[in-house]
PDB file of N, CA and C in Angstrom:
ATOM      1  N   UNK A   1      24.381 -27.573  11.630  1.00  0.00           N
ATOM      2  CA  UNK A   1      25.150 -26.839  10.639  1.00  0.00           C
ATOM      3  C   UNK A   1      25.074 -25.340  10.923  1.00  0.00           C
ATOM      4  N   UNK A   2      24.102 -24.707  10.295  1.00  0.00           N
ATOM      5  CA  UNK A   2      23.942 -23.251  10.508  1.00  0.00           C
ATOM      6  C   UNK A   2      22.889 -22.994  11.587  1.00  0.00           C
ATOM      7  N   UNK A   3      23.026 -21.831  12.209  1.00  0.00           N
ATOM      8  CA  UNK A   3      22.051 -21.486  13.197  1.00  0.00           C
ATOM      9  C   UNK A   3      21.031 -20.521  12.586  1.00  0.00           C
ATOM     10  N   UNK A   4      19.844 -20.557  13.067  1.00  0.00           N
ATOM     11  CA  UNK A   4      18.852 -19.646  12.562  1.00  0.00           C
ATOM     12  C   UNK A   4      18.779 -18.454  13.530  1.00  0.00           C
ATOM     13  N   UNK A   5      18.633 -17.330  13.006  1.00  0.00           N
ATOM     14  CA  UNK A   5      18.528 -16.121  13.828  1.00  0.00           C
ATOM     15  C   UNK A   5      17.045 -15.832  14.049  1.00  0.00           C
ATOM     16  N   UNK A   6      16.709 -15.240  15.180  1.00  0.00           N
ATOM     17  CA  UNK A   6      15.292 -14.911  15.392  1.00  0.00           C
ATOM     18  C   UNK A   6      14.865 -13.778  14.469  1.00  0.00           C
ATOM     19  N   UNK A   7      13.663 -13.909  13.956  1.00  0.00           N
ATOM     20  CA  UNK A   7      13.052 -12.894  13.109  1.00  0.00           C
ATOM     21  C   UNK A   7      12.439 -11.820  14.044  1.00  0.00           C
ATOM     22  N   UNK A   8      12.664 -10.547  13.746  1.00  0.00           N
ATOM     23  CA  UNK A   8      11.999  -9.530  14.561  1.00  0.00           C
ATOM     24  C   UNK A   8      10.470  -9.739  14.523  1.00  0.00           C
ATOM     25  N   UNK A   9       9.868  -9.795  15.704  1.00  0.00           N
ATOM     26  CA  UNK A   9       8.423 -10.084  15.826  1.00  0.00           C
ATOM     27  C   UNK A   9       7.587  -9.001  15.184  1.00  0.00           C
ATOM     28  N   UNK A  10       8.044  -7.764  15.236  1.00  0.00           N
ATOM     29  CA  UNK A  10       7.253  -6.639  14.757  1.00  0.00           C
ATOM     30  C   UNK A  10       7.619  -6.164  13.345  1.00  0.00           C
ATOM     31  N   UNK A  11       8.469  -6.912  12.670  1.00  0.00           N
ATOM     32  CA  UNK A  11       8.951  -6.445  11.353  1.00  0.00           C
ATOM     33  C   UNK A  11       7.832  -6.233  10.371  1.00  0.00           C
ATOM     34  N   UNK A  12       6.994  -7.227  10.175  1.00  0.00           N
ATOM     35  CA  UNK A  12       5.896  -7.082   9.198  1.00  0.00           C
ATOM     36  C   UNK A  12       4.979  -5.897   9.537  1.00  0.00           C
ATOM     37  N   UNK A  13       4.656  -5.762  10.828  1.00  0.00           N
ATOM     38  CA  UNK A  13       3.800  -4.664  11.289  1.00  0.00           C
ATOM     39  C   UNK A  13       4.445  -3.325  10.934  1.00  0.00           C
ATOM     40  N   UNK A  14       5.740  -3.222  11.157  1.00  0.00           N
ATOM     41  CA  UNK A  14       6.435  -1.954  10.877  1.00  0.00           C
ATOM     42  C   UNK A  14       6.513  -1.645   9.382  1.00  0.00           C
ATOM     43  N   UNK A  15       6.750  -2.679   8.581  1.00  0.00           N
ATOM     44  CA  UNK A  15       6.792  -2.454   7.144  1.00  0.00           C
ATOM     45  C   UNK A  15       5.430  -2.005   6.604  1.00  0.00           C
ATOM     46  N   UNK A  16       4.372  -2.587   7.093  1.00  0.00           N
ATOM     47  CA  UNK A  16       3.034  -2.137   6.693  1.00  0.00           C
ATOM     48  C   UNK A  16       2.810  -0.700   7.173  1.00  0.00           C
ATOM     49  N   UNK A  17       3.175  -0.395   8.378  1.00  0.00           N
ATOM     50  CA  UNK A  17       2.978   0.948   8.950  1.00  0.00           C
ATOM     51  C   UNK A  17       3.782   1.980   8.136  1.00  0.00           C
ATOM     52  N   UNK A  18       4.935   1.636   7.707  1.00  0.00           N
ATOM     53  CA  UNK A  18       5.756   2.585   6.882  1.00  0.00           C
ATOM     54  C   UNK A  18       4.969   2.918   5.607  1.00  0.00           C
ATOM     55  N   UNK A  19       4.522   1.867   4.917  1.00  0.00           N
ATOM     56  CA  UNK A  19       3.808   2.126   3.634  1.00  0.00           C
ATOM     57  C   UNK A  19       2.543   2.931   3.851  1.00  0.00           C
ATOM     58  N   UNK A  20       1.805   2.602   4.884  1.00  0.00           N
ATOM     59  CA  UNK A  20       0.504   3.249   5.134  1.00  0.00           C
ATOM     60  C   UNK A  20       0.640   4.673   5.663  1.00  0.00           C
ATOM     61  N   UNK A  21       1.819   5.014   6.221  1.00  0.00           N
ATOM     62  CA  UNK A  21       1.967   6.316   6.841  1.00  0.00           C
ATOM     63  C   UNK A  21       2.836   7.309   6.103  1.00  0.00           C
ATOM     64  N   UNK A  22       3.629   6.844   5.145  1.00  0.00           N
ATOM     65  CA  UNK A  22       4.466   7.796   4.371  1.00  0.00           C
ATOM     66  C   UNK A  22       3.522   8.665   3.579  1.00  0.00           C
ATOM     67  N   UNK A  23       3.614   9.969   3.822  1.00  0.00           N
ATOM     68  CA  UNK A  23       2.860  10.966   3.067  1.00  0.00           C
ATOM     69  C   UNK A  23       1.380  10.631   2.967  1.00  0.00           C
ATOM     70  N   UNK A  24       0.807  10.097   4.058  1.00  0.00           N
ATOM     71  CA  UNK A  24      -0.623   9.828   4.083  1.00  0.00           C
ATOM     72  C   UNK A  24      -1.017   8.459   3.505  1.00  0.00           C
ATOM     73  N   UNK A  25      -0.037   7.727   3.065  1.00  0.00           N
ATOM     74  CA  UNK A  25      -0.309   6.372   2.573  1.00  0.00           C
ATOM     75  C   UNK A  25       0.063   6.182   1.140  1.00  0.00           C
ATOM     76  N   UNK A  26       0.721   5.104   0.854  1.00  0.00           N
ATOM     77  CA  UNK A  26       1.155   4.794  -0.497  1.00  0.00           C
ATOM     78  C   UNK A  26       0.612   3.404  -0.855  1.00  0.00           C
ATOM     79  N   UNK A  27       0.340   3.179  -2.165  1.00  0.00           N
ATOM     80  CA  UNK A  27       0.060   1.824  -2.610  1.00  0.00           C
ATOM     81  C   UNK A  27       1.347   1.035  -2.572  1.00  0.00           C
ATOM     82  N   UNK A  28       1.219  -0.271  -2.712  1.00  0.00           N
ATOM     83  CA  UNK A  28       2.454  -1.085  -2.714  1.00  0.00           C
ATOM     84  C   UNK A  28       3.333  -0.725  -3.908  1.00  0.00           C
ATOM     85  N   UNK A  29       2.703  -0.480  -5.050  1.00  0.00           N
ATOM     86  CA  UNK A  29       3.457  -0.129  -6.226  1.00  0.00           C
ATOM     87  C   UNK A  29       4.105   1.252  -6.091  1.00  0.00           C
ATOM     88  N   UNK A  30       3.435   2.166  -5.449  1.00  0.00           N
ATOM     89  CA  UNK A  30       4.008   3.494  -5.179  1.00  0.00           C
ATOM     90  C   UNK A  30       5.198   3.375  -4.266  1.00  0.00           C
ATOM     91  N   UNK A  31       5.122   2.507  -3.280  1.00  0.00           N
ATOM     92  CA  UNK A  31       6.240   2.307  -2.364  1.00  0.00           C
ATOM     93  C   UNK A  31       7.456   1.739  -3.127  1.00  0.00           C
ATOM     94  N   UNK A  32       7.220   0.810  -4.001  1.00  0.00           N
ATOM     95  CA  UNK A  32       8.306   0.236  -4.764  1.00  0.00           C
ATOM     96  C   UNK A  32       9.049   1.322  -5.575  1.00  0.00           C
ATOM     97  N   UNK A  33       8.254   2.214  -6.192  1.00  0.00           N
ATOM     98  CA  UNK A  33       8.836   3.322  -6.936  1.00  0.00           C
ATOM     99  C   UNK A  33       9.602   4.260  -5.993  1.00  0.00           C
ATOM    100  N   UNK A  34       9.002   4.538  -4.843  1.00  0.00           N
ATOM    101  CA  UNK A  34       9.637   5.426  -3.853  1.00  0.00           C
ATOM    102  C   UNK A  34      10.989   4.870  -3.415  1.00  0.00           C
ATOM    103  N   UNK A  35      11.093   3.525  -3.338  1.00  0.00           N
ATOM    104  CA  UNK A  35      12.329   2.876  -2.908  1.00  0.00           C
ATOM    105  C   UNK A  35      13.296   2.633  -4.088  1.00  0.00           C
ATOM    106  N   UNK A  36      12.877   3.024  -5.300  1.00  0.00           N
ATOM    107  CA  UNK A  36      13.689   2.846  -6.503  1.00  0.00           C
ATOM    108  C   UNK A  36      14.040   1.377  -6.747  1.00  0.00           C
ATOM    109  N   UNK A  37      13.037   0.473  -6.537  1.00  0.00           N
ATOM    110  CA  UNK A  37      13.286  -0.933  -6.701  1.00  0.00           C
ATOM    111  C   UNK A  37      12.356  -1.550  -7.788  1.00  0.00           C
ATOM    112  N   UNK A  38      11.923  -0.727  -8.731  1.00  0.00           N
ATOM    113  CA  UNK A  38      11.001  -1.157  -9.750  1.00  0.00           C
ATOM    114  C   UNK A  38      11.544  -2.336 -10.568  1.00  0.00           C
ATOM    115  N   UNK A  39      12.810  -2.410 -10.767  1.00  0.00           N
ATOM    116  CA  UNK A  39      13.403  -3.442 -11.606  1.00  0.00           C
ATOM    117  C   UNK A  39      13.558  -4.789 -10.909  1.00  0.00           C
ATOM    118  N   UNK A  40      13.371  -4.815  -9.577  1.00  0.00           N
ATOM    119  CA  UNK A  40      13.583  -6.057  -8.873  1.00  0.00           C
ATOM    120  C   UNK A  40      12.461  -6.506  -7.945  1.00  0.00           C
ATOM    121  N   UNK A  41      11.550  -5.616  -7.560  1.00  0.00           N
ATOM    122  CA  UNK A  41      10.456  -5.998  -6.657  1.00  0.00           C
ATOM    123  C   UNK A  41       9.132  -5.898  -7.340  1.00  0.00           C
ATOM    124  N   UNK A  42       8.270  -6.848  -7.083  1.00  0.00           N
ATOM    125  CA  UNK A  42       6.902  -6.779  -7.544  1.00  0.00           C
ATOM    126  C   UNK A  42       5.954  -6.634  -6.360  1.00  0.00           C
ATOM    127  N   UNK A  43       4.757  -6.172  -6.619  1.00  0.00           N
ATOM    128  CA  UNK A  43       3.789  -5.891  -5.575  1.00  0.00           C
ATOM    129  C   UNK A  43       3.560  -7.037  -4.640  1.00  0.00           C
ATOM    130  N   UNK A  44       3.513  -8.266  -5.202  1.00  0.00           N
ATOM    131  CA  UNK A  44       3.231  -9.457  -4.348  1.00  0.00           C
ATOM    132  C   UNK A  44       4.331  -9.674  -3.281  1.00  0.00           C
ATOM    133  N   UNK A  45       5.539  -9.264  -3.616  1.00  0.00           N
ATOM    134  CA  UNK A  45       6.607  -9.420  -2.577  1.00  0.00           C
ATOM    135  C   UNK A  45       6.387  -8.437  -1.425  1.00  0.00           C
ATOM    136  N   UNK A  46       5.968  -7.196  -1.729  1.00  0.00           N
ATOM    137  CA  UNK A  46       5.633  -6.244  -0.686  1.00  0.00           C
ATOM    138  C   UNK A  46       4.560  -6.800   0.210  1.00  0.00           C
ATOM    139  N   UNK A  47       3.559  -7.363  -0.393  1.00  0.00           N
ATOM    140  CA  UNK A  47       2.429  -7.970   0.334  1.00  0.00           C
ATOM    141  C   UNK A  47       2.967  -9.064   1.275  1.00  0.00           C
ATOM    142  N   UNK A  48       3.845  -9.899   0.815  1.00  0.00           N
ATOM    143  CA  UNK A  48       4.404 -10.975   1.626  1.00  0.00           C
ATOM    144  C   UNK A  48       5.271 -10.438   2.748  1.00  0.00           C
ATOM    145  N   UNK A  49       6.001  -9.339   2.507  1.00  0.00           N
ATOM    146  CA  UNK A  49       6.771  -8.736   3.572  1.00  0.00           C
ATOM    147  C   UNK A  49       5.846  -8.214   4.680  1.00  0.00           C
ATOM    148  N   UNK A  50       4.760  -7.551   4.246  1.00  0.00           N
ATOM    149  CA  UNK A  50       3.827  -6.921   5.201  1.00  0.00           C
ATOM    150  C   UNK A  50       3.008  -7.964   5.965  1.00  0.00           C
ATOM    151  N   UNK A  51       2.861  -9.147   5.442  1.00  0.00           N
ATOM    152  CA  UNK A  51       2.145 -10.221   6.121  1.00  0.00           C
ATOM    153  C   UNK A  51       3.048 -11.141   6.897  1.00  0.00           C
ATOM    154  N   UNK A  52       4.356 -10.911   6.800  1.00  0.00           N
ATOM    155  CA  UNK A  52       5.307 -11.759   7.529  1.00  0.00           C
ATOM    156  C   UNK A  52       5.578 -13.082   6.887  1.00  0.00           C
ATOM    157  N   UNK A  53       5.147 -13.269   5.635  1.00  0.00           N
ATOM    158  CA  UNK A  53       5.383 -14.484   4.902  1.00  0.00           C
ATOM    159  C   UNK A  53       6.875 -14.601   4.478  1.00  0.00           C
ATOM    160  N   UNK A  54       7.396 -13.467   4.015  1.00  0.00           N
ATOM    161  CA  UNK A  54       8.782 -13.375   3.627  1.00  0.00           C
ATOM    162  C   UNK A  54       9.467 -12.262   4.414  1.00  0.00           C
ATOM    163  N   UNK A  55      10.774 -12.442   4.676  1.00  0.00           N
ATOM    164  CA  UNK A  55      11.558 -11.395   5.296  1.00  0.00           C
ATOM    165  C   UNK A  55      12.370 -10.713   4.198  1.00  0.00           C
ATOM    166  N   UNK A  56      12.296  -9.392   4.089  1.00  0.00           N
ATOM    167  CA  UNK A  56      13.058  -8.725   3.017  1.00  0.00           C
ATOM    168  C   UNK A  56      14.537  -8.853   3.205  1.00  0.00           C
ATOM    169  N   UNK A  57      15.277  -8.894   2.092  1.00  0.00           N
ATOM    170  CA  UNK A  57      16.743  -8.872   2.169  1.00  0.00           C
ATOM    171  C   UNK A  57      17.215  -7.502   2.717  1.00  0.00           C
ATOM    172  N   UNK A  58      18.449  -7.494   3.158  1.00  0.00           N
ATOM    173  CA  UNK A  58      18.994  -6.285   3.777  1.00  0.00           C
ATOM    174  C   UNK A  58      18.854  -5.030   2.904  1.00  0.00           C
ATOM    175  N   UNK A  59      19.144  -5.114   1.643  1.00  0.00           N
ATOM    176  CA  UNK A  59      19.098  -3.931   0.786  1.00  0.00           C
ATOM    177  C   UNK A  59      17.674  -3.396   0.677  1.00  0.00           C
ATOM    178  N   UNK A  60      16.675  -4.282   0.771  1.00  0.00           N
ATOM    179  CA  UNK A  60      15.298  -3.828   0.742  1.00  0.00           C
ATOM    180  C   UNK A  60      14.921  -3.162   2.072  1.00  0.00           C
ATOM    181  N   UNK A  61      15.389  -3.747   3.174  1.00  0.00           N
ATOM    182  CA  UNK A  61      15.166  -3.083   4.484  1.00  0.00           C
ATOM    183  C   UNK A  61      15.801  -1.718   4.528  1.00  0.00           C
ATOM    184  N   UNK A  62      16.999  -1.578   3.948  1.00  0.00           N
ATOM    185  CA  UNK A  62      17.645  -0.275   3.886  1.00  0.00           C
ATOM    186  C   UNK A  62      16.802   0.702   3.034  1.00  0.00           C
ATOM    187  N   UNK A  63      16.206   0.217   1.983  1.00  0.00           N
ATOM    188  CA  UNK A  63      15.345   1.093   1.138  1.00  0.00           C
ATOM    189  C   UNK A  63      14.104   1.541   1.916  1.00  0.00           C
ATOM    190  N   UNK A  64      13.524   0.648   2.726  1.00  0.00           N
ATOM    191  CA  UNK A  64      12.396   1.021   3.595  1.00  0.00           C
ATOM    192  C   UNK A  64      12.854   2.098   4.549  1.00  0.00           C
ATOM    193  N   UNK A  65      14.012   1.907   5.157  1.00  0.00           N
ATOM    194  CA  UNK A  65      14.520   2.907   6.123  1.00  0.00           C
ATOM    195  C   UNK A  65      14.747   4.234   5.453  1.00  0.00           C
ATOM    196  N   UNK A  66      15.304   4.241   4.247  1.00  0.00           N
ATOM    197  CA  UNK A  66      15.523   5.486   3.512  1.00  0.00           C
ATOM    198  C   UNK A  66      14.193   6.157   3.161  1.00  0.00           C
ATOM    199  N   UNK A  67      13.217   5.358   2.710  1.00  0.00           N
ATOM    200  CA  UNK A  67      11.918   5.947   2.332  1.00  0.00           C
ATOM    201  C   UNK A  67      11.250   6.575   3.533  1.00  0.00           C
ATOM    202  N   UNK A  68      11.399   5.958   4.704  1.00  0.00           N
ATOM    203  CA  UNK A  68      10.741   6.473   5.943  1.00  0.00           C
ATOM    204  C   UNK A  68      11.626   7.494   6.652  1.00  0.00           C
ATOM    205  N   UNK A  69      12.885   7.610   6.216  1.00  0.00           N
ATOM    206  CA  UNK A  69      13.866   8.491   6.862  1.00  0.00           C
ATOM    207  C   UNK A  69      14.053   8.120   8.334  1.00  0.00           C
ATOM    208  N   UNK A  70      14.177   6.815   8.575  1.00  0.00           N
ATOM    209  CA  UNK A  70      14.468   6.341   9.922  1.00  0.00           C
ATOM    210  C   UNK A  70      15.723   5.450   9.860  1.00  0.00           C
ATOM    211  N   UNK A  71      16.324   5.242  11.010  1.00  0.00           N
ATOM    212  CA  UNK A  71      17.432   4.334  11.068  1.00  0.00           C
ATOM    213  C   UNK A  71      16.979   2.901  10.871  1.00  0.00           C
ATOM    214  N   UNK A  72      17.749   2.103  10.198  1.00  0.00           N
ATOM    215  CA  UNK A  72      17.405   0.678   9.992  1.00  0.00           C
ATOM    216  C   UNK A  72      17.107  -0.010  11.308  1.00  0.00           C
ATOM    217  N   UNK A  73      17.804   0.321  12.346  1.00  0.00           N
ATOM    218  CA  UNK A  73      17.582  -0.314  13.648  1.00  0.00           C
ATOM    219  C   UNK A  73      16.171  -0.068  14.170  1.00  0.00           C
ATOM    220  N   UNK A  74      15.570   1.039  13.841  1.00  0.00           N
ATOM    221  CA  UNK A  74      14.201   1.309  14.278  1.00  0.00           C
ATOM    222  C   UNK A  74      13.249   0.287  13.654  1.00  0.00           C
ATOM    223  N   UNK A  75      13.554  -0.124  12.461  1.00  0.00           N
ATOM    224  CA  UNK A  75      12.671  -1.096  11.777  1.00  0.00           C
ATOM    225  C   UNK A  75      12.891  -2.498  12.345  1.00  0.00           C
ATOM    226  N   UNK A  76      14.120  -2.881  12.585  1.00  0.00           N
ATOM    227  CA  UNK A  76      14.385  -4.286  12.920  1.00  0.00           C
ATOM    228  C   UNK A  76      14.408  -4.590  14.420  1.00  0.00           C
ATOM    229  N   UNK A  77      14.548  -3.571  15.238  1.00  0.00           N
ATOM    230  CA  UNK A  77      14.532  -3.814  16.684  1.00  0.00           C
ATOM    231  C   UNK A  77      13.155  -3.664  17.254  1.00  0.00           C
ATOM    232  N   UNK A  78      12.617  -4.775  17.812  1.00  0.00           N
ATOM    233  CA  UNK A  78      11.247  -4.758  18.308  1.00  0.00           C
ATOM    234  C   UNK A  78      10.991  -3.763  19.425  1.00  0.00           C
ATOM    235  N   UNK A  79      11.990  -3.424  20.204  1.00  0.00           N
ATOM    236  CA  UNK A  79      11.795  -2.495  21.328  1.00  0.00           C
ATOM    237  C   UNK A  79      11.728  -1.019  20.881  1.00  0.00           C
ATOM    238  N   UNK A  80      12.036  -0.758  19.630  1.00  0.00           N
ATOM    239  CA  UNK A  80      11.992   0.630  19.120  1.00  0.00           C
ATOM    240  C   UNK A  80      10.713   0.812  18.275  1.00  0.00           C
ATOM    241  N   UNK A  81      10.079   1.948  18.462  1.00  0.00           N
ATOM    242  CA  UNK A  81       8.866   2.279  17.702  1.00  0.00           C
ATOM    243  C   UNK A  81       9.155   3.225  16.581  1.00  0.00           C
ATOM    244  N   UNK A  82       8.373   3.122  15.530  1.00  0.00           N
ATOM    245  CA  UNK A  82       8.461   4.088  14.417  1.00  0.00           C
ATOM    246  C   UNK A  82       7.970   5.427  14.873  1.00  0.00           C
ATOM    247  N   UNK A  83       8.465   6.509  14.327  1.00  0.00           N
ATOM    248  CA  UNK A  83       7.907   7.843  14.628  1.00  0.00           C
ATOM    249  C   UNK A  83       6.471   7.921  14.137  1.00  0.00           C
ATOM    250  N   UNK A  84       5.707   8.804  14.727  1.00  0.00           N
ATOM    251  CA  UNK A  84       4.287   8.935  14.348  1.00  0.00           C
ATOM    252  C   UNK A  84       4.122   9.492  12.937  1.00  0.00           C
ATOM    253  N   UNK A  85       5.005  10.365  12.527  1.00  0.00           N
ATOM    254  CA  UNK A  85       4.927  10.999  11.232  1.00  0.00           C
ATOM    255  C   UNK A  85       6.041  10.446  10.342  1.00  0.00           C
ATOM    256  N   UNK A  86       5.629  10.017   9.152  1.00  0.00           N
ATOM    257  CA  UNK A  86       6.594   9.481   8.187  1.00  0.00           C
ATOM    258  C   UNK A  86       6.406  10.149   6.840  1.00  0.00           C
ATOM    259  N   UNK A  87       7.453  10.499   6.117  1.00  0.00           N
ATOM    260  CA  UNK A  87       8.837  10.238   6.555  1.00  0.00           C
ATOM    261  C   UNK A  87       9.216  11.118   7.743  1.00  0.00           C
ATOM    262  N   UNK A  88      10.058  10.570   8.593  1.00  0.00           N
ATOM    263  CA  UNK A  88      10.514  11.284   9.775  1.00  0.00           C
ATOM    264  C   UNK A  88      11.314  12.518   9.358  1.00  0.00           C
ATOM    265  N   UNK A  89      11.312  13.482  10.230  1.00  0.00           N
ATOM    266  CA  UNK A  89      12.082  14.706   9.919  1.00  0.00           C
ATOM    267  C   UNK A  89      13.580  14.469   9.890  1.00  0.00           C
ATOM    268  N   UNK A  90      14.056  13.615  10.748  1.00  0.00           N
ATOM    269  CA  UNK A  90      15.460  13.307  10.797  1.00  0.00           C
ATOM    270  C   UNK A  90      15.745  12.014  11.531  1.00  0.00           C
ATOM    271  N   UNK A  91      16.804  11.376  11.167  1.00  0.00           N
ATOM    272  CA  UNK A  91      17.141  10.107  11.824  1.00  0.00           C
ATOM    273  C   UNK A  91      17.728  10.406  13.192  1.00  0.00           C
ATOM    274  N   UNK A  92      17.087   9.885  14.217  1.00  0.00           N
ATOM    275  CA  UNK A  92      17.440  10.241  15.599  1.00  0.00           C
ATOM    276  C   UNK A  92      18.342   9.188  16.214  1.00  0.00           C
ATOM    277  N   UNK A  93      19.598   9.555  16.355  1.00  0.00           N
ATOM    278  CA  UNK A  93      20.589   8.644  16.941  1.00  0.00           C
ATOM    279  C   UNK A  93      20.359   8.424  18.448  1.00  0.00           C
ATOM    280  N   UNK A  94      19.606   9.291  19.095  1.00  0.00           N
ATOM    281  CA  UNK A  94      19.340   9.134  20.506  1.00  0.00           C
ATOM    282  C   UNK A  94      18.558   7.862  20.780  1.00  0.00           C
ATOM    283  N   UNK A  95      17.815   7.395  19.791  1.00  0.00           N
ATOM    284  CA  UNK A  95      17.075   6.149  19.961  1.00  0.00           C
ATOM    285  C   UNK A  95      17.962   4.975  20.291  1.00  0.00           C
ATOM    286  N   UNK A  96      19.227   5.050  19.879  1.00  0.00           N
ATOM    287  CA  UNK A  96      20.115   3.916  20.018  1.00  0.00           C
ATOM    288  C   UNK A  96      20.959   4.006  21.261  1.00  0.00           C
ATOM    289  N   UNK A  97      20.882   5.067  21.988  1.00  0.00           N
ATOM    290  CA  UNK A  97      21.719   5.237  23.196  1.00  0.00           C
ATOM    291  C   UNK A  97      20.886   4.790  24.394  1.00  0.00           C
ATOM    292  N   UNK A  98      21.309   3.727  25.093  1.00  0.00           N
ATOM    293  CA  UNK A  98      20.526   3.248  26.237  1.00  0.00           C
ATOM    294  C   UNK A  98      20.568   4.275  27.371  1.00  0.00           C
ATOM    295  N   UNK A  99      19.484   4.273  28.159  1.00  0.00           N
ATOM    296  CA  UNK A  99      19.382   5.179  29.293  1.00  0.00           C
ATOM    297  C   UNK A  99      20.349   4.802  30.381  1.00  0.00           C
TER     298      UNK A  99
END
């Protein structure tokens, strides 16, 4: 029937890194507030995303990208690394241009 798409292998690792590195580290509840998702996300869901138990829906991934000030592709593409400092100073489109 339907095909399954591969899950990015580094997704959970990157989501955890985003939370731990934004402004020196945020609690899971602080991250939820930072992403303006208080009305729909609870702390246990963030924990499941960071452990790779659940994959966040697209709008939540976009909120992570906005909170970290990185392109969504940096989060979901395994071959791209997060910047060392988060939130990033600016979204770098050069990351998406192949050499």
